[in-house]
Amino acid sequence: MHILLVEDDRQMADYLRKALVESGAVVDLAGDGREGLLMAASGDYDILILDRMLPGLDGLGIVRTLRASGNRTPVLFLSALGEVDDRVEGLRAGGDDYLIKPFAFSELQARVEVLLRRGSTEAPATRLCVADLEMDLLKREVQRAGQPIQLQPREFRLLECLMQQAGRVVTRTMLLEQVWDYHFDPQTNVIDVHISRLRGKIDKGFGAPLLHTVRGAGYMLRAE
């Protein structure tokens, strides 16, 4: 955990840095706003802890500048300004949390842990791959072995569902719910027809087949 602490009160800064280091963090310290902004913009930090009232450039200015440049590092404000309007201003400027002085270190530590958990949430995948079959969810494109494959919207959704569950059986009920939004069995061969079309597009003319029928269970997308 790499933290940037921007605090002009030397006694407070030394105390917090010592406590954070003892809890397992690596802590860089800046004593004024301009130095803090330079370090935040050029460093790779997991979280920024900023005093709101700083010489040179206040904490609000630091955060607004960082957010305008696309920096999304979580920010925890520390401030003696504890009125509702002060807290709202800090959060609207781009802060993620606001801790009012004086505070217990245990509370600061807990808030840091929460912000780190939020920041570690993985972004949803935008590309799916099974062997040499690739799907770009943003561009809505599919290719196998570098060769583009044209799919109808329903075929794309069907393949997406199978690729997301690659290596696992996808039942007919799951396909009806996730691809057709049916919560009952329509007693038609709609799945069989679409699976056949999809198999012809992603397997025919290529090497080993990827789309397999699991008798009595459903379908599975996997490399042999």
C-alpha atoms as a PDB file:
ATOM      1  CA  MET A   1       0.000   0.000   0.000  1.00  0.00           C
ATOM      2  CA  HIS A   2       1.594   3.243  -1.197  1.00  0.00           C
ATOM      3  CA  ILE A   3       0.168   6.413   0.365  1.00  0.00           C
ATOM      4  CA  LEU A   4       0.842  10.084  -0.261  1.00  0.00           C
ATOM      5  CA  LEU A   5       0.234  12.189   2.859  1.00  0.00           C
ATOM      6  CA  VAL A   6      -0.020  15.948   2.310  1.00  0.00           C
ATOM      7  CA  GLU A   7      -0.027  17.705   5.694  1.00  0.00           C
ATOM      8  CA  ASP A   8       1.639  20.986   6.699  1.00  0.00           C
ATOM      9  CA  ASP A   9       1.429  20.373  10.457  1.00  0.00           C
ATOM     10  CA  ARG A  10       4.776  18.652  11.004  1.00  0.00           C
ATOM     11  CA  GLN A  11       3.822  17.028  14.290  1.00  0.00           C
ATOM     12  CA  MET A  12       0.598  15.627  12.839  1.00  0.00           C
ATOM     13  CA  ALA A  13       2.401  14.505   9.663  1.00  0.00           C
ATOM     14  CA  ASP A  14       5.130  12.660  11.570  1.00  0.00           C
ATOM     15  CA  TYR A  15       2.576  10.964  13.814  1.00  0.00           C
ATOM     16  CA  LEU A  16       0.408   9.797  10.919  1.00  0.00           C
ATOM     17  CA  ARG A  17       3.335   8.630   8.821  1.00  0.00           C
ATOM     18  CA  LYS A  18       4.738   6.611  11.728  1.00  0.00           C
ATOM     19  CA  ALA A  19       1.352   5.016  12.442  1.00  0.00           C
ATOM     20  CA  LEU A  20       0.696   4.215   8.775  1.00  0.00           C
ATOM     21  CA  VAL A  21       4.146   2.711   8.300  1.00  0.00           C
ATOM     22  CA  GLU A  22       3.609   0.561  11.388  1.00  0.00           C
ATOM     23  CA  SER A  23       0.381  -0.686   9.812  1.00  0.00           C
ATOM     24  CA  GLY A  24       2.307  -1.822   6.724  1.00  0.00           C
ATOM     25  CA  ALA A  25       2.085   1.138   4.351  1.00  0.00           C
ATOM     26  CA  VAL A  26       4.777   2.946   2.391  1.00  0.00           C
ATOM     27  CA  VAL A  27       4.224   6.657   2.988  1.00  0.00           C
ATOM     28  CA  ASP A  28       5.535   9.677   1.087  1.00  0.00           C
ATOM     29  CA  LEU A  29       5.114  13.063   2.752  1.00  0.00           C
ATOM     30  CA  ALA A  30       4.544  16.508   1.261  1.00  0.00           C
ATOM     31  CA  GLY A  31       4.410  19.642   3.418  1.00  0.00           C
ATOM     32  CA  ASP A  32       2.540  22.036   1.117  1.00  0.00           C
ATOM     33  CA  GLY A  33      -0.070  21.959  -1.618  1.00  0.00           C
ATOM     34  CA  ARG A  34       2.132  22.564  -4.643  1.00  0.00           C
ATOM     35  CA  GLU A  35       4.603  19.862  -3.647  1.00  0.00           C
ATOM     36  CA  GLY A  36       1.683  17.550  -2.929  1.00  0.00           C
ATOM     37  CA  LEU A  37       0.148  18.137  -6.356  1.00  0.00           C
ATOM     38  CA  LEU A  38       3.460  17.490  -8.113  1.00  0.00           C
ATOM     39  CA  MET A  39       4.010  14.238  -6.198  1.00  0.00           C
ATOM     40  CA  ALA A  40       0.405  13.077  -6.680  1.00  0.00           C
ATOM     41  CA  ALA A  41       0.502  13.765 -10.417  1.00  0.00           C
ATOM     42  CA  SER A  42       3.840  12.057 -11.002  1.00  0.00           C
ATOM     43  CA  GLY A  43       3.683   9.183  -8.503  1.00  0.00           C
ATOM     44  CA  ASP A  44       1.814   5.891  -8.448  1.00  0.00           C
ATOM     45  CA  TYR A  45      -0.211   5.942  -5.229  1.00  0.00           C
ATOM     46  CA  ASP A  46      -2.992   3.728  -3.919  1.00  0.00           C
ATOM     47  CA  ILE A  47      -4.536   6.555  -1.901  1.00  0.00           C
ATOM     48  CA  LEU A  48      -3.982  10.262  -1.173  1.00  0.00           C
ATOM     49  CA  ILE A  49      -4.538  11.669   2.317  1.00  0.00           C
ATOM     50  CA  LEU A  50      -4.844  15.447   2.066  1.00  0.00           C
ATOM     51  CA  ASP A  51      -5.167  18.170   4.642  1.00  0.00           C
ATOM     52  CA  ARG A  52      -7.722  20.608   3.288  1.00  0.00           C
ATOM     53  CA  MET A  53      -6.013  23.806   4.461  1.00  0.00           C
ATOM     54  CA  LEU A  54      -2.509  23.857   2.967  1.00  0.00           C
ATOM     55  CA  PRO A  55      -0.007  26.591   2.077  1.00  0.00           C
ATOM     56  CA  GLY A  56       0.581  27.214  -1.611  1.00  0.00           C
ATOM     57  CA  LEU A  57      -2.474  25.308  -2.843  1.00  0.00           C
ATOM     58  CA  ASP A  58      -5.292  23.957  -0.718  1.00  0.00           C
ATOM     59  CA  GLY A  59      -6.565  20.387  -0.782  1.00  0.00           C
ATOM     60  CA  LEU A  60      -9.592  21.274  -2.895  1.00  0.00           C
ATOM     61  CA  GLY A  61      -7.326  22.753  -5.554  1.00  0.00           C
ATOM     62  CA  ILE A  62      -5.151  19.641  -5.578  1.00  0.00           C
ATOM     63  CA  VAL A  63      -8.102  17.318  -6.072  1.00  0.00           C
ATOM     64  CA  ARG A  64      -9.802  19.454  -8.718  1.00  0.00           C
ATOM     65  CA  THR A  65      -6.572  19.579 -10.720  1.00  0.00           C
ATOM     66  CA  LEU A  66      -6.012  15.834 -10.435  1.00  0.00           C
ATOM     67  CA  ARG A  67      -9.578  14.965 -11.425  1.00  0.00           C
ATOM     68  CA  ALA A  68      -9.450  17.341 -14.392  1.00  0.00           C
ATOM     69  CA  SER A  69      -6.357  15.494 -15.635  1.00  0.00           C
ATOM     70  CA  GLY A  70      -8.067  12.101 -15.318  1.00  0.00           C
ATOM     71  CA  ASN A  71      -6.340  11.003 -12.088  1.00  0.00           C
ATOM     72  CA  ARG A  72      -8.820   8.856 -10.127  1.00  0.00           C
ATOM     73  CA  THR A  73      -6.660   7.915  -7.128  1.00  0.00           C
ATOM     74  CA  PRO A  74      -8.912   7.755  -4.023  1.00  0.00           C
ATOM     75  CA  VAL A  75      -8.671  10.855  -1.822  1.00  0.00           C
ATOM     76  CA  LEU A  76      -9.325  11.145   1.921  1.00  0.00           C
ATOM     77  CA  PHE A  77      -9.594  14.711   3.193  1.00  0.00           C
ATOM     78  CA  LEU A  78      -8.470  15.642   6.709  1.00  0.00           C
ATOM     79  CA  SER A  79      -9.837  18.921   7.991  1.00  0.00           C
ATOM     80  CA  ALA A  80     -10.848  20.919  11.040  1.00  0.00           C
ATOM     81  CA  LEU A  81     -13.595  22.400   8.840  1.00  0.00           C
ATOM     82  CA  GLY A  82     -16.404  20.110   9.865  1.00  0.00           C
ATOM     83  CA  GLU A  83     -19.633  21.850   8.892  1.00  0.00           C
ATOM     84  CA  VAL A  84     -21.948  20.080   6.480  1.00  0.00           C
ATOM     85  CA  ASP A  85     -21.242  22.613   3.731  1.00  0.00           C
ATOM     86  CA  ASP A  86     -17.485  22.081   4.173  1.00  0.00           C
ATOM     87  CA  ARG A  87     -17.812  18.315   3.827  1.00  0.00           C
ATOM     88  CA  VAL A  88     -20.092  18.596   0.824  1.00  0.00           C
ATOM     89  CA  GLU A  89     -17.674  20.993  -0.865  1.00  0.00           C
ATOM     90  CA  GLY A  90     -14.803  18.560  -0.341  1.00  0.00           C
ATOM     91  CA  LEU A  91     -16.725  15.615  -1.747  1.00  0.00           C
ATOM     92  CA  ARG A  92     -18.012  17.585  -4.725  1.00  0.00           C
ATOM     93  CA  ALA A  93     -14.489  18.728  -5.512  1.00  0.00           C
ATOM     94  CA  GLY A  94     -13.590  15.069  -6.095  1.00  0.00           C
ATOM     95  CA  GLY A  95     -12.789  13.744  -2.630  1.00  0.00           C
ATOM     96  CA  ASP A  96     -13.888  10.218  -1.763  1.00  0.00           C
ATOM     97  CA  ASP A  97     -14.116  10.636   2.024  1.00  0.00           C
ATOM     98  CA  TYR A  98     -13.824  13.405   4.608  1.00  0.00           C
ATOM     99  CA  LEU A  99     -12.483  12.963   8.154  1.00  0.00           C
ATOM    100  CA  ILE A 100     -12.876  15.764  10.676  1.00  0.00           C
ATOM    101  CA  LYS A 101     -10.034  16.680  13.028  1.00  0.00           C
ATOM    102  CA  PRO A 102      -9.442  15.644  15.742  1.00  0.00           C
ATOM    103  CA  PHE A 103      -9.850  11.947  14.985  1.00  0.00           C
ATOM    104  CA  ALA A 104      -8.647   8.589  16.226  1.00  0.00           C
ATOM    105  CA  PHE A 105      -6.033   6.879  14.052  1.00  0.00           C
ATOM    106  CA  SER A 106      -8.115   3.694  14.111  1.00  0.00           C
ATOM    107  CA  GLU A 107     -10.912   5.541  12.303  1.00  0.00           C
ATOM    108  CA  LEU A 108      -8.514   6.914   9.691  1.00  0.00           C
ATOM    109  CA  GLN A 109      -7.097   3.427   9.184  1.00  0.00           C
ATOM    110  CA  ALA A 110     -10.591   1.969   8.733  1.00  0.00           C
ATOM    111  CA  ARG A 111     -11.521   4.633   6.187  1.00  0.00           C
ATOM    112  CA  VAL A 112      -8.307   4.019   4.245  1.00  0.00           C
ATOM    113  CA  GLU A 113      -9.087   0.301   4.129  1.00  0.00           C
ATOM    114  CA  VAL A 114     -12.583   1.000   2.786  1.00  0.00           C
ATOM    115  CA  LEU A 115     -11.247   3.294   0.049  1.00  0.00           C
ATOM    116  CA  LEU A 116      -8.647   0.718  -0.950  1.00  0.00           C
ATOM    117  CA  ARG A 117     -11.330  -1.949  -1.242  1.00  0.00           C
ATOM    118  CA  ARG A 118     -13.363   0.317  -3.486  1.00  0.00           C
ATOM    119  CA  GLY A 119     -10.359   1.114  -5.630  1.00  0.00           C
ATOM    120  CA  SER A 120      -9.388  -2.533  -6.032  1.00  0.00           C
ATOM    121  CA  THR A 121     -12.708  -3.502  -7.618  1.00  0.00           C
ATOM    122  CA  GLU A 122     -11.919  -4.972 -10.983  1.00  0.00           C
ATOM    123  CA  ALA A 123     -13.344  -3.306 -14.061  1.00  0.00           C
ATOM    124  CA  PRO A 124     -15.617  -5.506 -16.110  1.00  0.00           C
ATOM    125  CA  ALA A 125     -13.866  -7.387 -18.902  1.00  0.00           C
ATOM    126  CA  THR A 126     -14.273  -5.887 -22.371  1.00  0.00           C
ATOM    127  CA  ARG A 127     -12.659  -8.801 -24.256  1.00  0.00           C
ATOM    128  CA  LEU A 128     -13.428 -12.493 -24.029  1.00  0.00           C
ATOM    129  CA  CYS A 129     -11.107 -15.181 -25.394  1.00  0.00           C
ATOM    130  CA  VAL A 130     -11.408 -18.949 -25.761  1.00  0.00           C
ATOM    131  CA  ALA A 131      -8.469 -20.494 -27.639  1.00  0.00           C
ATOM    132  CA  ASP A 132      -8.211 -18.465 -30.883  1.00  0.00           C
ATOM    133  CA  LEU A 133     -11.786 -17.179 -30.636  1.00  0.00           C
ATOM    134  CA  GLU A 134     -11.979 -13.533 -29.513  1.00  0.00           C
ATOM    135  CA  MET A 135     -14.894 -11.241 -28.725  1.00  0.00           C
ATOM    136  CA  ASP A 136     -14.647  -7.462 -28.277  1.00  0.00           C
ATOM    137  CA  LEU A 137     -17.651  -6.416 -26.183  1.00  0.00           C
ATOM    138  CA  LEU A 138     -17.173  -2.698 -26.833  1.00  0.00           C
ATOM    139  CA  LYS A 139     -16.805  -2.895 -30.608  1.00  0.00           C
ATOM    140  CA  ARG A 140     -19.260  -5.823 -30.826  1.00  0.00           C
ATOM    141  CA  GLU A 141     -16.801  -7.727 -32.985  1.00  0.00           C
ATOM    142  CA  VAL A 142     -15.864 -11.417 -33.109  1.00  0.00           C
ATOM    143  CA  GLN A 143     -12.940 -13.096 -34.805  1.00  0.00           C
ATOM    144  CA  ARG A 144     -11.337 -16.504 -34.854  1.00  0.00           C
ATOM    145  CA  ALA A 145      -7.714 -17.023 -35.825  1.00  0.00           C
ATOM    146  CA  GLY A 146      -7.713 -13.373 -36.890  1.00  0.00           C
ATOM    147  CA  GLN A 147     -10.637 -13.861 -39.277  1.00  0.00           C
ATOM    148  CA  PRO A 148     -13.710 -11.655 -38.681  1.00  0.00           C
ATOM    149  CA  ILE A 149     -16.997 -13.474 -37.998  1.00  0.00           C
ATOM    150  CA  GLN A 150     -20.285 -11.733 -38.689  1.00  0.00           C
ATOM    151  CA  LEU A 151     -22.987 -12.486 -36.133  1.00  0.00           C
ATOM    152  CA  GLN A 152     -26.575 -11.404 -35.748  1.00  0.00           C
ATOM    153  CA  PRO A 153     -27.394  -9.653 -32.427  1.00  0.00           C
ATOM    154  CA  ARG A 154     -28.975 -12.781 -30.915  1.00  0.00           C
ATOM    155  CA  GLU A 155     -26.054 -14.930 -32.052  1.00  0.00           C
ATOM    156  CA  PHE A 156     -23.638 -12.440 -30.484  1.00  0.00           C
ATOM    157  CA  ARG A 157     -25.496 -12.577 -27.161  1.00  0.00           C
ATOM    158  CA  LEU A 158     -25.577 -16.368 -27.304  1.00  0.00           C
ATOM    159  CA  LEU A 159     -21.842 -16.574 -27.923  1.00  0.00           C
ATOM    160  CA  GLU A 160     -21.157 -14.002 -25.200  1.00  0.00           C
ATOM    161  CA  CYS A 161     -23.104 -16.109 -22.712  1.00  0.00           C
ATOM    162  CA  LEU A 162     -21.162 -19.241 -23.681  1.00  0.00           C
ATOM    163  CA  MET A 163     -17.781 -17.480 -23.594  1.00  0.00           C
ATOM    164  CA  GLN A 164     -18.449 -16.019 -20.158  1.00  0.00           C
ATOM    165  CA  GLN A 165     -19.018 -19.583 -18.916  1.00  0.00           C
ATOM    166  CA  ALA A 166     -16.200 -21.168 -20.965  1.00  0.00           C
ATOM    167  CA  GLY A 167     -15.302 -24.639 -19.721  1.00  0.00           C
ATOM    168  CA  ARG A 168     -18.624 -25.003 -17.886  1.00  0.00           C
ATOM    169  CA  VAL A 169     -21.943 -26.444 -19.004  1.00  0.00           C
ATOM    170  CA  VAL A 170     -24.541 -23.826 -19.902  1.00  0.00           C
ATOM    171  CA  THR A 171     -28.013 -25.318 -19.611  1.00  0.00           C
ATOM    172  CA  ARG A 172     -30.919 -24.637 -21.942  1.00  0.00           C
ATOM    173  CA  THR A 173     -32.741 -22.913 -19.097  1.00  0.00           C
ATOM    174  CA  MET A 174     -29.796 -20.542 -18.580  1.00  0.00           C
ATOM    175  CA  LEU A 175     -29.724 -19.716 -22.289  1.00  0.00           C
ATOM    176  CA  LEU A 176     -33.467 -19.101 -22.433  1.00  0.00           C
ATOM    177  CA  GLU A 177     -33.238 -16.688 -19.491  1.00  0.00           C
ATOM    178  CA  GLN A 178     -30.028 -14.876 -20.424  1.00  0.00           C
ATOM    179  CA  VAL A 179     -30.320 -14.717 -24.216  1.00  0.00           C
ATOM    180  CA  TRP A 180     -34.077 -14.696 -24.862  1.00  0.00           C
ATOM    181  CA  ASP A 181     -35.305 -13.399 -21.489  1.00  0.00           C
ATOM    182  CA  TYR A 182     -37.699 -16.333 -21.268  1.00  0.00           C
ATOM    183  CA  HIS A 183     -38.446 -17.564 -17.769  1.00  0.00           C
ATOM    184  CA  PHE A 184     -40.313 -20.574 -19.060  1.00  0.00           C
ATOM    185  CA  ASP A 185     -39.701 -23.236 -21.691  1.00  0.00           C
ATOM    186  CA  PRO A 186     -41.447 -22.121 -24.914  1.00  0.00           C
ATOM    187  CA  GLN A 187     -41.296 -25.725 -26.183  1.00  0.00           C
ATOM    188  CA  THR A 188     -39.604 -24.697 -29.440  1.00  0.00           C
ATOM    189  CA  ASN A 189     -36.304 -25.565 -31.081  1.00  0.00           C
ATOM    190  CA  VAL A 190     -35.131 -21.927 -31.047  1.00  0.00           C
ATOM    191  CA  ILE A 191     -31.969 -22.787 -29.099  1.00  0.00           C
ATOM    192  CA  ASP A 192     -31.069 -25.696 -31.390  1.00  0.00           C
ATOM    193  CA  VAL A 193     -31.474 -23.507 -34.476  1.00  0.00           C
ATOM    194  CA  HIS A 194     -29.260 -20.728 -33.108  1.00  0.00           C
ATOM    195  CA  ILE A 195     -26.633 -23.144 -31.776  1.00  0.00           C
ATOM    196  CA  SER A 196     -26.458 -24.781 -35.207  1.00  0.00           C
ATOM    197  CA  ARG A 197     -26.000 -21.408 -36.921  1.00  0.00           C
ATOM    198  CA  LEU A 198     -23.422 -20.304 -34.402  1.00  0.00           C
ATOM    199  CA  ARG A 199     -21.479 -23.563 -34.707  1.00  0.00           C
ATOM    200  CA  GLY A 200     -21.386 -23.111 -38.469  1.00  0.00           C
ATOM    201  CA  LYS A 201     -19.888 -19.628 -38.075  1.00  0.00           C
ATOM    202  CA  ILE A 202     -17.312 -20.152 -35.321  1.00  0.00           C
ATOM    203  CA  ASP A 203     -16.252 -23.777 -35.996  1.00  0.00           C
ATOM    204  CA  LYS A 204     -16.753 -24.561 -39.677  1.00  0.00           C
ATOM    205  CA  GLY A 205     -13.545 -24.152 -41.646  1.00  0.00           C
ATOM    206  CA  PHE A 206     -11.378 -23.778 -38.561  1.00  0.00           C
ATOM    207  CA  GLY A 207      -9.307 -26.310 -36.617  1.00  0.00           C
ATOM    208  CA  ALA A 208     -10.635 -28.051 -33.542  1.00  0.00           C
ATOM    209  CA  PRO A 209     -14.297 -27.338 -32.728  1.00  0.00           C
ATOM    210  CA  LEU A 210     -15.006 -25.117 -29.721  1.00  0.00           C
ATOM    211  CA  LEU A 211     -18.781 -25.423 -29.309  1.00  0.00           C
ATOM    212  CA  HIS A 212     -19.808 -28.777 -27.840  1.00  0.00           C
ATOM    213  CA  THR A 213     -23.142 -30.356 -26.993  1.00  0.00           C
ATOM    214  CA  VAL A 214     -23.259 -32.001 -23.582  1.00  0.00           C
ATOM    215  CA  ARG A 215     -26.026 -34.577 -23.916  1.00  0.00           C
ATOM    216  CA  GLY A 216     -28.802 -34.201 -21.400  1.00  0.00           C
ATOM    217  CA  ALA A 217     -27.213 -31.089 -19.911  1.00  0.00           C
ATOM    218  CA  GLY A 218     -26.677 -28.251 -22.374  1.00  0.00           C
ATOM    219  CA  TYR A 219     -23.725 -26.747 -24.207  1.00  0.00           C
ATOM    220  CA  MET A 220     -20.126 -25.917 -23.484  1.00  0.00           C
ATOM    221  CA  LEU A 221     -17.545 -23.710 -25.160  1.00  0.00           C
ATOM    222  CA  ARG A 222     -14.052 -25.095 -24.681  1.00  0.00           C
ATOM    223  CA  ALA A 223     -10.831 -25.849 -26.510  1.00  0.00           C
ATOM    224  CA  GLU A 224     -10.158 -29.552 -27.087  1.00  0.00           C
END
